[in-house]
Each structure stands twice: as structure tokens, then as C-alpha cells.
């Protein structure tokens, strides 16, 4: 599972590290991070299901959630195409 990947990285990196995961896969669980961003309300909320605090600063951007599928076609993933198009237009992204 993806939580294994998070554990592997967090146990082998400095506690002051800033880590970004970009997941374009089906049934992503968001790595069991403690907070989720609500795009509609523009707020961070405590993940009320299961979560795991870690010392590193982790941002996870995912194309799907638990029991959801990621959308793809013959020309590739909609998420990846849209994400890289956004990055090409917005050269500088600040994460506070």
C-alpha cells in the first residue's frame, strides 16, 4: 500500500524535510495524512477516518480517493495532463 511508501520515505529522511507526493493512481488513500484540503471551502480539515502524524512536512496531491478510480484515456491520464498544463502556465507555485 501507499502508506508503506510514506513510512519508507519518512524513516529515511531528515525530520526537517519537505516532501511532495503526486499520485495519479486509483484508490489512493492520501497516505493517511492527518489533514485534508477542502477545495470547496478553501480550508484544511482533520481527516476523521484514519491518520498518521509524521515529523516531516508532507503535501500529497492525488487524482483519486479511497474506492475511487483515476480517469485516463488512450492519450493518457486526465489528471497528469491537467497538472502539467497548470505547471506550464504557473511557473512559480508557493506552498505556505
PDB file of N, CA and C in Angstrom:
ATOM      1  N   UNK A   1       0.819  -1.214   0.000  1.00  0.00           N
ATOM      2  CA  UNK A   1       0.000   0.000   0.000  1.00  0.00           C
ATOM      3  C   UNK A   1       0.855   1.266   0.000  1.00  0.00           C
ATOM      4  N   UNK A   2       0.215   2.368  -0.291  1.00  0.00           N
ATOM      5  CA  UNK A   2       0.927   3.639  -0.362  1.00  0.00           C
ATOM      6  C   UNK A   2       1.432   4.101   0.999  1.00  0.00           C
ATOM      7  N   UNK A   3       0.803   3.662   2.077  1.00  0.00           N
ATOM      8  CA  UNK A   3       1.292   4.043   3.403  1.00  0.00           C
ATOM      9  C   UNK A   3       2.675   3.453   3.653  1.00  0.00           C
ATOM     10  N   UNK A   4       2.963   2.308   3.054  1.00  0.00           N
ATOM     11  CA  UNK A   4       4.298   1.728   3.161  1.00  0.00           C
ATOM     12  C   UNK A   4       5.328   2.656   2.524  1.00  0.00           C
ATOM     13  N   UNK A   5       4.993   3.228   1.380  1.00  0.00           N
ATOM     14  CA  UNK A   5       5.888   4.171   0.703  1.00  0.00           C
ATOM     15  C   UNK A   5       6.156   5.387   1.587  1.00  0.00           C
ATOM     16  N   UNK A   6       5.120   5.913   2.214  1.00  0.00           N
ATOM     17  CA  UNK A   6       5.292   7.052   3.119  1.00  0.00           C
ATOM     18  C   UNK A   6       6.203   6.687   4.283  1.00  0.00           C
ATOM     19  N   UNK A   7       5.981   5.530   4.887  1.00  0.00           N
ATOM     20  CA  UNK A   7       6.814   5.083   6.003  1.00  0.00           C
ATOM     21  C   UNK A   7       8.265   4.913   5.569  1.00  0.00           C
ATOM     22  N   UNK A   8       8.472   4.318   4.426  1.00  0.00           N
ATOM     23  CA  UNK A   8       9.822   4.128   3.901  1.00  0.00           C
ATOM     24  C   UNK A   8      10.551   5.464   3.724  1.00  0.00           C
ATOM     25  N   UNK A   9       9.874   6.435   3.176  1.00  0.00           N
ATOM     26  CA  UNK A   9      10.494   7.742   2.937  1.00  0.00           C
ATOM     27  C   UNK A   9      10.695   8.511   4.240  1.00  0.00           C
ATOM     28  N   UNK A  10       9.694   8.536   5.107  1.00  0.00           N
ATOM     29  CA  UNK A  10       9.815   9.325   6.338  1.00  0.00           C
ATOM     30  C   UNK A  10      10.839   8.746   7.311  1.00  0.00           C
ATOM     31  N   UNK A  11      11.035   7.440   7.293  1.00  0.00           N
ATOM     32  CA  UNK A  11      12.038   6.858   8.190  1.00  0.00           C
ATOM     33  C   UNK A  11      13.455   7.015   7.656  1.00  0.00           C
ATOM     34  N   UNK A  12      13.588   7.404   6.399  1.00  0.00           N
ATOM     35  CA  UNK A  12      14.912   7.549   5.792  1.00  0.00           C
ATOM     36  C   UNK A  12      15.241   8.976   5.370  1.00  0.00           C
ATOM     37  N   UNK A  13      14.468   9.940   5.838  1.00  0.00           N
ATOM     38  CA  UNK A  13      14.747  11.345   5.543  1.00  0.00           C
ATOM     39  C   UNK A  13      14.832  12.147   6.834  1.00  0.00           C
ATOM     40  N   UNK A  14      15.467  13.286   6.744  1.00  0.00           N
ATOM     41  CA  UNK A  14      15.609  14.193   7.869  1.00  0.00           C
ATOM     42  C   UNK A  14      14.242  14.674   8.335  1.00  0.00           C
ATOM     43  N   UNK A  15      14.069  14.872   9.634  1.00  0.00           N
ATOM     44  CA  UNK A  15      12.762  15.314  10.155  1.00  0.00           C
ATOM     45  C   UNK A  15      12.393  16.720   9.683  1.00  0.00           C
ATOM     46  N   UNK A  16      13.357  17.478   9.174  1.00  0.00           N
ATOM     47  CA  UNK A  16      13.070  18.820   8.653  1.00  0.00           C
ATOM     48  C   UNK A  16      12.791  18.821   7.157  1.00  0.00           C
ATOM     49  N   UNK A  17      12.672  17.650   6.570  1.00  0.00           N
ATOM     50  CA  UNK A  17      12.435  17.536   5.128  1.00  0.00           C
ATOM     51  C   UNK A  17      11.041  18.009   4.755  1.00  0.00           C
ATOM     52  N   UNK A  18      10.917  18.495   3.527  1.00  0.00           N
ATOM     53  CA  UNK A  18       9.630  18.829   2.936  1.00  0.00           C
ATOM     54  C   UNK A  18       9.442  17.877   1.759  1.00  0.00           C
ATOM     55  N   UNK A  19       8.382  17.093   1.801  1.00  0.00           N
ATOM     56  CA  UNK A  19       8.174  16.020   0.834  1.00  0.00           C
ATOM     57  C   UNK A  19       6.859  16.252   0.097  1.00  0.00           C
ATOM     58  N   UNK A  20       6.910  16.094  -1.223  1.00  0.00           N
ATOM     59  CA  UNK A  20       5.699  16.212  -2.033  1.00  0.00           C
ATOM     60  C   UNK A  20       5.461  14.883  -2.747  1.00  0.00           C
ATOM     61  N   UNK A  21       4.273  14.335  -2.573  1.00  0.00           N
ATOM     62  CA  UNK A  21       3.837  13.148  -3.297  1.00  0.00           C
ATOM     63  C   UNK A  21       2.817  13.593  -4.330  1.00  0.00           C
ATOM     64  N   UNK A  22       2.979  13.168  -5.560  1.00  0.00           N
ATOM     65  CA  UNK A  22       1.975  13.392  -6.602  1.00  0.00           C
ATOM     66  C   UNK A  22       1.545  12.007  -7.074  1.00  0.00           C
ATOM     67  N   UNK A  23       0.308  11.666  -6.769  1.00  0.00           N
ATOM     68  CA  UNK A  23      -0.190  10.314  -7.018  1.00  0.00           C
ATOM     69  C   UNK A  23      -1.271  10.336  -8.086  1.00  0.00           C
ATOM     70  N   UNK A  24      -1.005   9.667  -9.174  1.00  0.00           N
ATOM     71  CA  UNK A  24      -2.002   9.518 -10.230  1.00  0.00           C
ATOM     72  C   UNK A  24      -2.338   8.039 -10.334  1.00  0.00           C
ATOM     73  N   UNK A  25      -3.125   7.578  -9.376  1.00  0.00           N
ATOM     74  CA  UNK A  25      -3.461   6.159  -9.318  1.00  0.00           C
ATOM     75  C   UNK A  25      -4.858   5.988  -8.737  1.00  0.00           C
ATOM     76  N   UNK A  26      -5.422   4.825  -8.968  1.00  0.00           N
ATOM     77  CA  UNK A  26      -6.748   4.522  -8.428  1.00  0.00           C
ATOM     78  C   UNK A  26      -6.655   4.197  -6.940  1.00  0.00           C
ATOM     79  N   UNK A  27      -7.716   4.513  -6.231  1.00  0.00           N
ATOM     80  CA  UNK A  27      -7.882   4.177  -4.817  1.00  0.00           C
ATOM     81  C   UNK A  27      -6.757   4.675  -3.913  1.00  0.00           C
ATOM     82  N   UNK A  28      -6.290   5.871  -4.155  1.00  0.00           N
ATOM     83  CA  UNK A  28      -5.275   6.461  -3.282  1.00  0.00           C
ATOM     84  C   UNK A  28      -5.914   6.789  -1.940  1.00  0.00           C
ATOM     85  N   UNK A  29      -5.187   6.551  -0.875  1.00  0.00           N
ATOM     86  CA  UNK A  29      -5.745   6.841   0.453  1.00  0.00           C
ATOM     87  C   UNK A  29      -5.190   8.135   1.031  1.00  0.00           C
ATOM     88  N   UNK A  30      -4.467   8.903   0.221  1.00  0.00           N
ATOM     89  CA  UNK A  30      -3.891  10.145   0.723  1.00  0.00           C
ATOM     90  C   UNK A  30      -2.784   9.913   1.731  1.00  0.00           C
ATOM     91  N   UNK A  31      -2.252   8.706   1.781  1.00  0.00           N
ATOM     92  CA  UNK A  31      -1.137   8.342   2.653  1.00  0.00           C
ATOM     93  C   UNK A  31      -1.475   8.425   4.134  1.00  0.00           C
ATOM     94  N   UNK A  32      -2.754   8.432   4.462  1.00  0.00           N
ATOM     95  CA  UNK A  32      -3.200   8.556   5.859  1.00  0.00           C
ATOM     96  C   UNK A  32      -2.656   9.810   6.529  1.00  0.00           C
ATOM     97  N   UNK A  33      -2.580  10.882   5.785  1.00  0.00           N
ATOM     98  CA  UNK A  33      -2.112  12.146   6.368  1.00  0.00           C
ATOM     99  C   UNK A  33      -3.203  12.722   7.264  1.00  0.00           C
ATOM    100  N   UNK A  34      -2.820  13.481   8.277  1.00  0.00           N
ATOM    101  CA  UNK A  34      -3.804  13.932   9.273  1.00  0.00           C
ATOM    102  C   UNK A  34      -4.765  15.017   8.789  1.00  0.00           C
ATOM    103  N   UNK A  35      -4.409  15.763   7.758  1.00  0.00           N
ATOM    104  CA  UNK A  35      -5.286  16.842   7.295  1.00  0.00           C
ATOM    105  C   UNK A  35      -5.588  16.693   5.821  1.00  0.00           C
ATOM    106  N   UNK A  36      -6.798  17.090   5.441  1.00  0.00           N
ATOM    107  CA  UNK A  36      -7.201  17.098   4.039  1.00  0.00           C
ATOM    108  C   UNK A  36      -7.677  18.496   3.685  1.00  0.00           C
ATOM    109  N   UNK A  37      -7.355  18.885   2.457  1.00  0.00           N
ATOM    110  CA  UNK A  37      -7.765  20.201   1.978  1.00  0.00           C
ATOM    111  C   UNK A  37      -9.130  20.088   1.317  1.00  0.00           C
ATOM    112  N   UNK A  38     -10.053  20.949   1.720  1.00  0.00           N
ATOM    113  CA  UNK A  38     -11.376  21.000   1.121  1.00  0.00           C
ATOM    114  C   UNK A  38     -11.380  22.135   0.112  1.00  0.00           C
ATOM    115  N   UNK A  39     -11.351  21.794  -1.167  1.00  0.00           N
ATOM    116  CA  UNK A  39     -11.237  22.806  -2.214  1.00  0.00           C
ATOM    117  C   UNK A  39     -12.471  23.706  -2.301  1.00  0.00           C
ATOM    118  N   UNK A  40     -13.625  23.175  -1.931  1.00  0.00           N
ATOM    119  CA  UNK A  40     -14.860  23.958  -1.982  1.00  0.00           C
ATOM    120  C   UNK A  40     -14.841  25.072  -0.934  1.00  0.00           C
ATOM    121  N   UNK A  41     -14.470  24.719   0.309  1.00  0.00           N
ATOM    122  CA  UNK A  41     -14.442  25.692   1.409  1.00  0.00           C
ATOM    123  C   UNK A  41     -13.112  26.419   1.545  1.00  0.00           C
ATOM    124  N   UNK A  42     -12.079  25.932   0.823  1.00  0.00           N
ATOM    125  CA  UNK A  42     -10.739  26.511   0.890  1.00  0.00           C
ATOM    126  C   UNK A  42     -10.171  26.451   2.314  1.00  0.00           C
ATOM    127  N   UNK A  43     -10.352  25.285   2.962  1.00  0.00           N
ATOM    128  CA  UNK A  43      -9.848  25.095   4.325  1.00  0.00           C
ATOM    129  C   UNK A  43      -9.240  23.703   4.475  1.00  0.00           C
ATOM    130  N   UNK A  44      -8.323  23.581   5.436  1.00  0.00           N
ATOM    131  CA  UNK A  44      -7.744  22.290   5.812  1.00  0.00           C
ATOM    132  C   UNK A  44      -8.571  21.725   6.951  1.00  0.00           C
ATOM    133  N   UNK A  45      -8.894  20.434   6.885  1.00  0.00           N
ATOM    134  CA  UNK A  45      -9.687  19.789   7.937  1.00  0.00           C
ATOM    135  C   UNK A  45      -8.997  18.519   8.402  1.00  0.00           C
ATOM    136  N   UNK A  46      -9.199  18.210   9.682  1.00  0.00           N
ATOM    137  CA  UNK A  46      -8.663  16.980  10.241  1.00  0.00           C
ATOM    138  C   UNK A  46      -9.339  15.794   9.558  1.00  0.00           C
ATOM    139  N   UNK A  47      -8.535  14.850   9.116  1.00  0.00           N
ATOM    140  CA  UNK A  47      -9.034  13.636   8.493  1.00  0.00           C
ATOM    141  C   UNK A  47      -9.686  12.789   9.577  1.00  0.00           C
ATOM    142  N   UNK A  48     -10.991  12.664   9.549  1.00  0.00           N
ATOM    143  CA  UNK A  48     -11.706  11.985  10.631  1.00  0.00           C
ATOM    144  C   UNK A  48     -11.623  10.473  10.556  1.00  0.00           C
ATOM    145  N   UNK A  49     -11.188   9.940   9.427  1.00  0.00           N
ATOM    146  CA  UNK A  49     -11.049   8.476   9.367  1.00  0.00           C
ATOM    147  C   UNK A  49      -9.735   8.102  10.036  1.00  0.00           C
ATOM    148  N   UNK A  50      -8.854   7.460   9.357  1.00  0.00           N
ATOM    149  CA  UNK A  50      -7.568   7.113   9.977  1.00  0.00           C
ATOM    150  C   UNK A  50      -6.503   8.099   9.519  1.00  0.00           C
ATOM    151  N   UNK A  51      -5.582   8.415  10.397  1.00  0.00           N
ATOM    152  CA  UNK A  51      -4.490   9.291  10.021  1.00  0.00           C
ATOM    153  C   UNK A  51      -3.256   8.978  10.844  1.00  0.00           C
ATOM    154  N   UNK A  52      -2.126   9.429  10.311  1.00  0.00           N
ATOM    155  CA  UNK A  52      -0.839   9.136  10.915  1.00  0.00           C
ATOM    156  C   UNK A  52       0.015  10.392  10.866  1.00  0.00           C
ATOM    157  N   UNK A  53       0.329  10.958  12.026  1.00  0.00           N
ATOM    158  CA  UNK A  53       1.182  12.143  12.070  1.00  0.00           C
ATOM    159  C   UNK A  53       2.636  11.737  11.836  1.00  0.00           C
ATOM    160  N   UNK A  54       3.381  12.574  11.162  1.00  0.00           N
ATOM    161  CA  UNK A  54       4.817  12.352  10.996  1.00  0.00           C
ATOM    162  C   UNK A  54       5.525  13.687  11.184  1.00  0.00           C
ATOM    163  N   UNK A  55       6.835  13.656  11.356  1.00  0.00           N
ATOM    164  CA  UNK A  55       7.576  14.877  11.674  1.00  0.00           C
ATOM    165  C   UNK A  55       7.883  15.725  10.448  1.00  0.00           C
ATOM    166  N   UNK A  56       7.988  15.113   9.291  1.00  0.00           N
ATOM    167  CA  UNK A  56       8.269  15.857   8.076  1.00  0.00           C
ATOM    168  C   UNK A  56       7.014  16.586   7.581  1.00  0.00           C
ATOM    169  N   UNK A  57       7.246  17.654   6.813  1.00  0.00           N
ATOM    170  CA  UNK A  57       6.145  18.366   6.173  1.00  0.00           C
ATOM    171  C   UNK A  57       5.838  17.625   4.879  1.00  0.00           C
ATOM    172  N   UNK A  58       4.628  17.074   4.757  1.00  0.00           N
ATOM    173  CA  UNK A  58       4.262  16.295   3.576  1.00  0.00           C
ATOM    174  C   UNK A  58       3.023  16.894   2.923  1.00  0.00           C
ATOM    175  N   UNK A  59       3.123  17.080   1.616  1.00  0.00           N
ATOM    176  CA  UNK A  59       1.984  17.503   0.810  1.00  0.00           C
ATOM    177  C   UNK A  59       1.711  16.367  -0.173  1.00  0.00           C
ATOM    178  N   UNK A  60       0.479  15.906  -0.206  1.00  0.00           N
ATOM    179  CA  UNK A  60       0.096  14.835  -1.128  1.00  0.00           C
ATOM    180  C   UNK A  60      -0.991  15.365  -2.055  1.00  0.00           C
ATOM    181  N   UNK A  61      -0.713  15.333  -3.352  1.00  0.00           N
ATOM    182  CA  UNK A  61      -1.694  15.721  -4.367  1.00  0.00           C
ATOM    183  C   UNK A  61      -2.089  14.429  -5.076  1.00  0.00           C
ATOM    184  N   UNK A  62      -3.374  14.122  -5.061  1.00  0.00           N
ATOM    185  CA  UNK A  62      -3.821  12.833  -5.568  1.00  0.00           C
ATOM    186  C   UNK A  62      -4.980  12.994  -6.544  1.00  0.00           C
ATOM    187  N   UNK A  63      -5.028  12.084  -7.524  1.00  0.00           N
ATOM    188  CA  UNK A  63      -6.092  12.135  -8.528  1.00  0.00           C
ATOM    189  C   UNK A  63      -7.363  11.421  -8.071  1.00  0.00           C
ATOM    190  N   UNK A  64      -7.281  10.657  -7.001  1.00  0.00           N
ATOM    191  CA  UNK A  64      -8.455   9.926  -6.530  1.00  0.00           C
ATOM    192  C   UNK A  64      -8.363   9.699  -5.024  1.00  0.00           C
ATOM    193  N   UNK A  65      -9.433   9.140  -4.490  1.00  0.00           N
ATOM    194  CA  UNK A  65      -9.511   8.854  -3.062  1.00  0.00           C
ATOM    195  C   UNK A  65      -9.842   7.369  -2.896  1.00  0.00           C
ATOM    196  N   UNK A  66     -10.003   6.927  -1.670  1.00  0.00           N
ATOM    197  CA  UNK A  66     -10.332   5.526  -1.407  1.00  0.00           C
ATOM    198  C   UNK A  66     -11.598   5.139  -2.180  1.00  0.00           C
ATOM    199  N   UNK A  67     -11.552   3.997  -2.831  1.00  0.00           N
ATOM    200  CA  UNK A  67     -12.668   3.451  -3.611  1.00  0.00           C
ATOM    201  C   UNK A  67     -13.046   4.331  -4.801  1.00  0.00           C
ATOM    202  N   UNK A  68     -12.106   5.137  -5.301  1.00  0.00           N
ATOM    203  CA  UNK A  68     -12.330   5.936  -6.499  1.00  0.00           C
ATOM    204  C   UNK A  68     -11.311   5.540  -7.562  1.00  0.00           C
ATOM    205  N   UNK A  69     -11.672   5.757  -8.813  1.00  0.00           N
ATOM    206  CA  UNK A  69     -10.774   5.476  -9.918  1.00  0.00           C
ATOM    207  C   UNK A  69     -10.204   6.759 -10.484  1.00  0.00           C
ATOM    208  N   UNK A  70      -8.996   6.669 -10.970  1.00  0.00           N
ATOM    209  CA  UNK A  70      -8.366   7.779 -11.656  1.00  0.00           C
ATOM    210  C   UNK A  70      -8.792   7.713 -13.122  1.00  0.00           C
ATOM    211  N   UNK A  71      -9.031   8.859 -13.738  1.00  0.00           N
ATOM    212  CA  UNK A  71      -9.538   8.900 -15.102  1.00  0.00           C
ATOM    213  C   UNK A  71      -8.402   8.920 -16.120  1.00  0.00           C
ATOM    214  N   UNK A  72      -8.508   8.059 -17.127  1.00  0.00           N
ATOM    215  CA  UNK A  72      -7.488   8.002 -18.177  1.00  0.00           C
ATOM    216  C   UNK A  72      -8.151   7.674 -19.504  1.00  0.00           C
ATOM    217  N   UNK A  73      -7.434   7.991 -20.583  1.00  0.00           N
ATOM    218  CA  UNK A  73      -7.904   7.668 -21.930  1.00  0.00           C
ATOM    219  C   UNK A  73      -6.726   7.152 -22.743  1.00  0.00           C
ATOM    220  N   UNK A  74      -6.923   6.957 -24.032  1.00  0.00           N
ATOM    221  CA  UNK A  74      -5.833   6.494 -24.897  1.00  0.00           C
ATOM    222  C   UNK A  74      -4.659   7.462 -24.901  1.00  0.00           C
ATOM    223  N   UNK A  75      -4.947   8.737 -24.687  1.00  0.00           N
ATOM    224  CA  UNK A  75      -3.870   9.744 -24.705  1.00  0.00           C
ATOM    225  C   UNK A  75      -3.250   9.979 -23.332  1.00  0.00           C
ATOM    226  N   UNK A  76      -3.635   9.174 -22.340  1.00  0.00           N
ATOM    227  CA  UNK A  76      -3.029   9.288 -21.018  1.00  0.00           C
ATOM    228  C   UNK A  76      -3.997   9.750 -19.955  1.00  0.00           C
ATOM    229  N   UNK A  77      -3.450  10.074 -18.824  1.00  0.00           N
ATOM    230  CA  UNK A  77      -4.235  10.453 -17.657  1.00  0.00           C
ATOM    231  C   UNK A  77      -4.705  11.903 -17.731  1.00  0.00           C
ATOM    232  N   UNK A  78      -5.974  12.112 -17.450  1.00  0.00           N
ATOM    233  CA  UNK A  78      -6.530  13.459 -17.406  1.00  0.00           C
ATOM    234  C   UNK A  78      -5.859  14.277 -16.300  1.00  0.00           C
ATOM    235  N   UNK A  79      -5.644  13.662 -15.141  1.00  0.00           N
ATOM    236  CA  UNK A  79      -5.011  14.343 -14.012  1.00  0.00           C
ATOM    237  C   UNK A  79      -3.606  14.820 -14.372  1.00  0.00           C
ATOM    238  N   UNK A  80      -2.788  13.926 -14.916  1.00  0.00           N
ATOM    239  CA  UNK A  80      -1.407  14.279 -15.243  1.00  0.00           C
ATOM    240  C   UNK A  80      -1.353  15.361 -16.312  1.00  0.00           C
ATOM    241  N   UNK A  81      -2.160  15.225 -17.369  1.00  0.00           N
ATOM    242  CA  UNK A  81      -2.175  16.265 -18.417  1.00  0.00           C
ATOM    243  C   UNK A  81      -2.571  17.613 -17.848  1.00  0.00           C
ATOM    244  N   UNK A  82      -3.616  17.653 -17.034  1.00  0.00           N
ATOM    245  CA  UNK A  82      -4.087  18.911 -16.448  1.00  0.00           C
ATOM    246  C   UNK A  82      -3.063  19.476 -15.474  1.00  0.00           C
ATOM    247  N   UNK A  83      -2.462  18.630 -14.679  1.00  0.00           N
ATOM    248  CA  UNK A  83      -1.472  19.069 -13.704  1.00  0.00           C
ATOM    249  C   UNK A  83      -0.269  19.716 -14.390  1.00  0.00           C
ATOM    250  N   UNK A  84       0.283  19.060 -15.403  1.00  0.00           N
ATOM    251  CA  UNK A  84       1.442  19.621 -16.091  1.00  0.00           C
ATOM    252  C   UNK A  84       1.086  20.844 -16.925  1.00  0.00           C
ATOM    253  N   UNK A  85      -0.120  20.910 -17.443  1.00  0.00           N
ATOM    254  CA  UNK A  85      -0.566  22.118 -18.148  1.00  0.00           C
ATOM    255  C   UNK A  85      -0.613  23.292 -17.173  1.00  0.00           C
ATOM    256  N   UNK A  86      -1.153  23.052 -15.975  1.00  0.00           N
ATOM    257  CA  UNK A  86      -1.201  24.090 -14.941  1.00  0.00           C
ATOM    258  C   UNK A  86       0.211  24.549 -14.580  1.00  0.00           C
ATOM    259  N   UNK A  87       1.126  23.609 -14.401  1.00  0.00           N
ATOM    260  CA  UNK A  87       2.510  23.963 -14.060  1.00  0.00           C
ATOM    261  C   UNK A  87       3.187  24.760 -15.165  1.00  0.00           C
ATOM    262  N   UNK A  88       2.870  24.465 -16.415  1.00  0.00           N
ATOM    263  CA  UNK A  88       3.489  25.208 -17.515  1.00  0.00           C
ATOM    264  C   UNK A  88       2.990  26.645 -17.592  1.00  0.00           C
ATOM    265  N   UNK A  89       1.765  26.874 -17.135  1.00  0.00           N
ATOM    266  CA  UNK A  89       1.206  28.229 -17.131  1.00  0.00           C
ATOM    267  C   UNK A  89       1.648  28.994 -15.884  1.00  0.00           C
ATOM    268  N   UNK A  90       1.665  28.328 -14.741  1.00  0.00           N
ATOM    269  CA  UNK A  90       2.017  28.932 -13.452  1.00  0.00           C
ATOM    270  C   UNK A  90       3.409  28.475 -13.059  1.00  0.00           C
ATOM    271  N   UNK A  91       4.416  29.213 -13.489  1.00  0.00           N
ATOM    272  CA  UNK A  91       5.808  28.806 -13.295  1.00  0.00           C
ATOM    273  C   UNK A  91       6.224  28.771 -11.828  1.00  0.00           C
ATOM    274  N   UNK A  92       5.613  29.611 -11.008  1.00  0.00           N
ATOM    275  CA  UNK A  92       6.008  29.699  -9.612  1.00  0.00           C
ATOM    276  C   UNK A  92       4.828  29.405  -8.720  1.00  0.00           C
ATOM    277  N   UNK A  93       4.949  28.358  -7.939  1.00  0.00           N
ATOM    278  CA  UNK A  93       3.881  27.971  -7.013  1.00  0.00           C
ATOM    279  C   UNK A  93       4.442  28.067  -5.604  1.00  0.00           C
ATOM    280  N   UNK A  94       3.760  28.781  -4.744  1.00  0.00           N
ATOM    281  CA  UNK A  94       4.202  28.930  -3.366  1.00  0.00           C
ATOM    282  C   UNK A  94       3.332  28.084  -2.453  1.00  0.00           C
ATOM    283  N   UNK A  95       3.980  27.282  -1.642  1.00  0.00           N
ATOM    284  CA  UNK A  95       3.267  26.471  -0.656  1.00  0.00           C
ATOM    285  C   UNK A  95       3.567  27.051   0.706  1.00  0.00           C
ATOM    286  N   UNK A  96       2.551  27.518   1.380  1.00  0.00           N
ATOM    287  CA  UNK A  96       2.731  28.144   2.703  1.00  0.00           C
ATOM    288  C   UNK A  96       2.655  27.108   3.796  1.00  0.00           C
TER     289      UNK A  96
END
